[in-house]
Amino acid sequence: MIALLQRVTQSWVEVEGKTVGRIGKGINILLGVEKGDTEEDIELLVKKILGLRIFPSEDGKKEFDRSVVDIKGELLVVSQFTLPASLRKGRRPSFERAMEPSQAKELYEKFVQRLKEESSLKVETGIFGADMKVFIENDGPVTFILRSEDLKKSRKG
């Protein structure tokens, strides 16, 4: 599972010209589900995302001091099947690593549910599989790529 995290001052998603999810200060999460991902991947990402210290201290002296939970921020989760794409060969992306849509949707929904269960934060979403327009006002800019595969490695080694 891959999550592209962006610290935002605001972010929203539109489908067919209508806003379906909107947040203020917090994290915009573009989530890609890969073949072989399980609920363990969800748990690893949720725990890491909620604990990541990517927001400045209250006095502004430390750039990366507080988590989204600490600042009582908000979360916007948008399904992003292109994240697992391989660009290694040719000029067209290969989506071989992306999970089949119905299975990916199930894990995406479980990911969103776990964020809600593990925090008291506002959690908004796009619409899985829809043609979405995502508006991101990146704060910093601060952007990170988080892979559950990497979290598994660090736990073993």
Protein backbone atom coordinates (compact mmCIF):
# COMPACT_ATOMS: atom_id res chain seq x y z
CA MET A 1 0.00 0.00 0.00
CA ILE A 2 1.32 3.42 -0.91
CA ALA A 3 0.24 6.71 0.64
CA LEU A 4 1.34 10.04 -0.72
CA LEU A 5 0.95 12.45 2.20
CA GLN A 6 0.71 16.19 1.79
CA ARG A 7 0.52 18.65 4.65
CA VAL A 8 -2.23 21.05 3.60
CA THR A 9 -3.89 24.25 4.70
CA GLN A 10 -6.96 23.03 2.83
CA SER A 11 -7.93 20.38 0.30
CA TRP A 12 -11.08 19.23 -1.40
CA VAL A 13 -12.37 16.81 -4.02
CA GLU A 14 -14.96 17.46 -6.69
CA VAL A 15 -16.88 14.91 -8.74
CA GLU A 16 -18.97 16.23 -11.63
CA GLY A 17 -18.52 19.78 -10.32
CA LYS A 18 -19.77 18.99 -6.80
CA THR A 19 -17.58 18.97 -3.69
CA VAL A 20 -17.70 15.49 -2.14
CA GLY A 21 -15.00 15.92 0.52
CA ARG A 22 -13.30 18.97 2.04
CA ILE A 23 -10.82 19.58 4.84
CA GLY A 24 -8.98 22.49 6.39
CA LYS A 25 -5.55 22.16 7.99
CA GLY A 26 -4.36 18.56 7.97
CA ILE A 27 -3.16 15.82 5.64
CA ASN A 28 -4.26 15.03 2.11
CA ILE A 29 -3.70 11.28 1.59
CA LEU A 30 -3.56 9.82 -1.92
CA LEU A 31 -3.86 6.06 -1.34
CA GLY A 32 -2.78 3.35 -3.79
CA VAL A 33 -3.59 -0.29 -3.07
CA GLU A 34 -1.21 -2.93 -4.45
CA LYS A 35 -1.65 -6.65 -5.12
CA GLY A 36 -0.91 -8.55 -1.93
CA ASP A 37 -1.91 -5.74 0.44
CA THR A 38 -3.79 -6.84 3.56
CA GLU A 39 -5.28 -5.40 6.72
CA GLU A 40 -1.77 -5.49 8.22
CA ASP A 41 -0.76 -2.85 5.65
CA ILE A 42 -3.71 -0.72 6.73
CA GLU A 43 -2.75 -0.94 10.41
CA LEU A 44 0.86 -0.01 9.69
CA LEU A 45 -0.08 3.04 7.61
CA VAL A 46 -2.81 4.29 9.94
CA LYS A 47 -0.55 4.12 12.99
CA LYS A 48 2.31 5.85 11.17
CA ILE A 49 0.16 8.59 9.61
CA LEU A 50 -1.57 9.52 12.85
CA GLY A 51 1.75 9.68 14.71
CA LEU A 52 3.92 11.43 12.10
CA ARG A 53 5.28 14.71 13.38
CA ILE A 54 4.99 16.83 10.24
CA PHE A 55 3.43 20.00 11.65
CA PRO A 56 5.33 22.88 13.23
CA SER A 57 5.50 23.55 16.94
CA GLU A 58 3.07 26.10 18.34
CA ASP A 59 5.83 28.70 18.58
CA GLY A 60 6.93 27.94 15.01
CA LYS A 61 10.53 27.21 16.02
CA LYS A 62 10.46 23.54 15.06
CA GLU A 63 9.19 22.68 11.58
CA PHE A 64 8.38 19.02 12.30
CA ASP A 65 7.19 18.80 15.89
CA ARG A 66 3.51 17.86 16.08
CA SER A 67 1.26 15.21 14.55
CA VAL A 68 -2.10 15.68 12.86
CA VAL A 69 -3.65 14.37 16.09
CA ASP A 70 -1.71 16.92 18.16
CA ILE A 71 -3.03 19.83 16.08
CA LYS A 72 -6.53 18.34 15.84
CA GLY A 73 -6.18 18.46 12.07
CA GLU A 74 -8.28 16.84 9.39
CA LEU A 75 -7.72 14.05 6.87
CA LEU A 76 -8.80 13.73 3.25
CA VAL A 77 -8.32 10.28 1.69
CA VAL A 78 -8.45 9.94 -2.10
CA SER A 79 -8.12 6.61 -3.92
CA GLN A 80 -5.22 6.75 -6.38
CA PHE A 81 -4.81 3.61 -8.50
CA THR A 82 -1.92 5.18 -10.43
CA LEU A 83 0.43 5.22 -7.41
CA PRO A 84 1.44 1.54 -7.77
CA ALA A 85 2.14 2.02 -11.50
CA SER A 86 5.49 1.06 -12.91
CA LEU A 87 7.19 3.52 -15.26
CA ARG A 88 10.24 1.33 -15.75
CA LYS A 89 9.58 0.09 -19.29
CA GLY A 90 8.30 1.90 -22.34
CA ARG A 91 6.42 5.15 -22.34
CA ARG A 92 3.06 3.98 -20.97
CA PRO A 93 2.56 3.22 -17.29
CA SER A 94 2.02 -0.40 -16.31
CA PHE A 95 -0.63 -1.03 -13.68
CA GLU A 96 0.28 -4.68 -13.04
CA ARG A 97 1.01 -3.98 -9.36
CA ALA A 98 -2.36 -2.32 -8.71
CA MET A 99 -4.94 -4.45 -6.94
CA GLU A 100 -8.13 -5.41 -8.78
CA PRO A 101 -10.71 -2.61 -8.19
CA SER A 102 -13.30 -4.46 -6.08
CA GLN A 103 -10.64 -5.76 -3.68
CA ALA A 104 -8.86 -2.40 -3.64
CA LYS A 105 -12.12 -0.63 -2.79
CA GLU A 106 -12.67 -2.92 0.18
CA LEU A 107 -9.18 -2.18 1.57
CA TYR A 108 -9.55 1.54 0.83
CA GLU A 109 -12.82 1.64 2.80
CA LYS A 110 -11.25 -0.30 5.68
CA PHE A 111 -8.33 2.16 5.70
CA VAL A 112 -10.74 5.10 6.00
CA GLN A 113 -12.70 3.32 8.73
CA ARG A 114 -9.52 2.60 10.73
CA LEU A 115 -8.49 6.28 10.54
CA LYS A 116 -11.88 7.19 11.99
CA GLU A 117 -11.68 4.53 14.71
CA GLU A 118 -8.12 5.38 15.75
CA SER A 119 -8.63 9.14 15.98
CA SER A 120 -11.34 11.63 16.73
CA LEU A 121 -10.38 13.63 13.65
CA LYS A 122 -12.58 14.66 10.76
CA VAL A 123 -11.95 12.18 7.91
CA GLU A 124 -13.30 13.01 4.46
CA THR A 125 -12.98 11.07 1.20
CA GLY A 126 -13.34 11.25 -2.52
CA ILE A 127 -15.42 8.65 -4.37
CA PHE A 128 -13.58 5.42 -5.17
CA GLY A 129 -13.15 4.93 -8.91
CA ALA A 130 -14.71 8.26 -9.87
CA ASP A 131 -13.16 10.85 -12.15
CA MET A 132 -12.17 13.36 -9.47
CA LYS A 133 -10.67 16.82 -9.40
CA VAL A 134 -8.46 17.12 -6.32
CA PHE A 135 -7.56 20.58 -5.05
CA ILE A 136 -4.56 20.66 -2.74
CA GLU A 137 -3.13 23.71 -1.04
CA ASN A 138 0.15 22.16 0.06
CA ASP A 139 1.64 23.78 3.15
CA GLY A 140 5.40 24.12 2.86
CA PRO A 141 5.31 22.33 0.46
CA VAL A 142 5.58 19.24 2.65
CA THR A 143 5.05 15.92 0.84
CA PHE A 144 6.04 12.37 1.81
CA ILE A 145 5.71 8.94 0.20
CA LEU A 146 4.87 6.21 2.70
CA ARG A 147 4.93 2.54 1.68
CA SER A 148 3.66 -0.20 3.96
CA GLU A 149 6.33 -2.44 2.43
CA ASP A 150 9.03 -0.15 3.89
CA LEU A 151 7.37 -0.21 7.33
CA LYS A 152 7.44 -4.00 7.31
CA LYS A 153 11.16 -4.00 6.51
CA SER A 154 12.01 -1.62 9.32
CA ARG A 155 10.14 -3.80 11.82
CA LYS A 156 12.15 -6.87 10.80
CA GLY A 157 15.58 -5.32 10.54
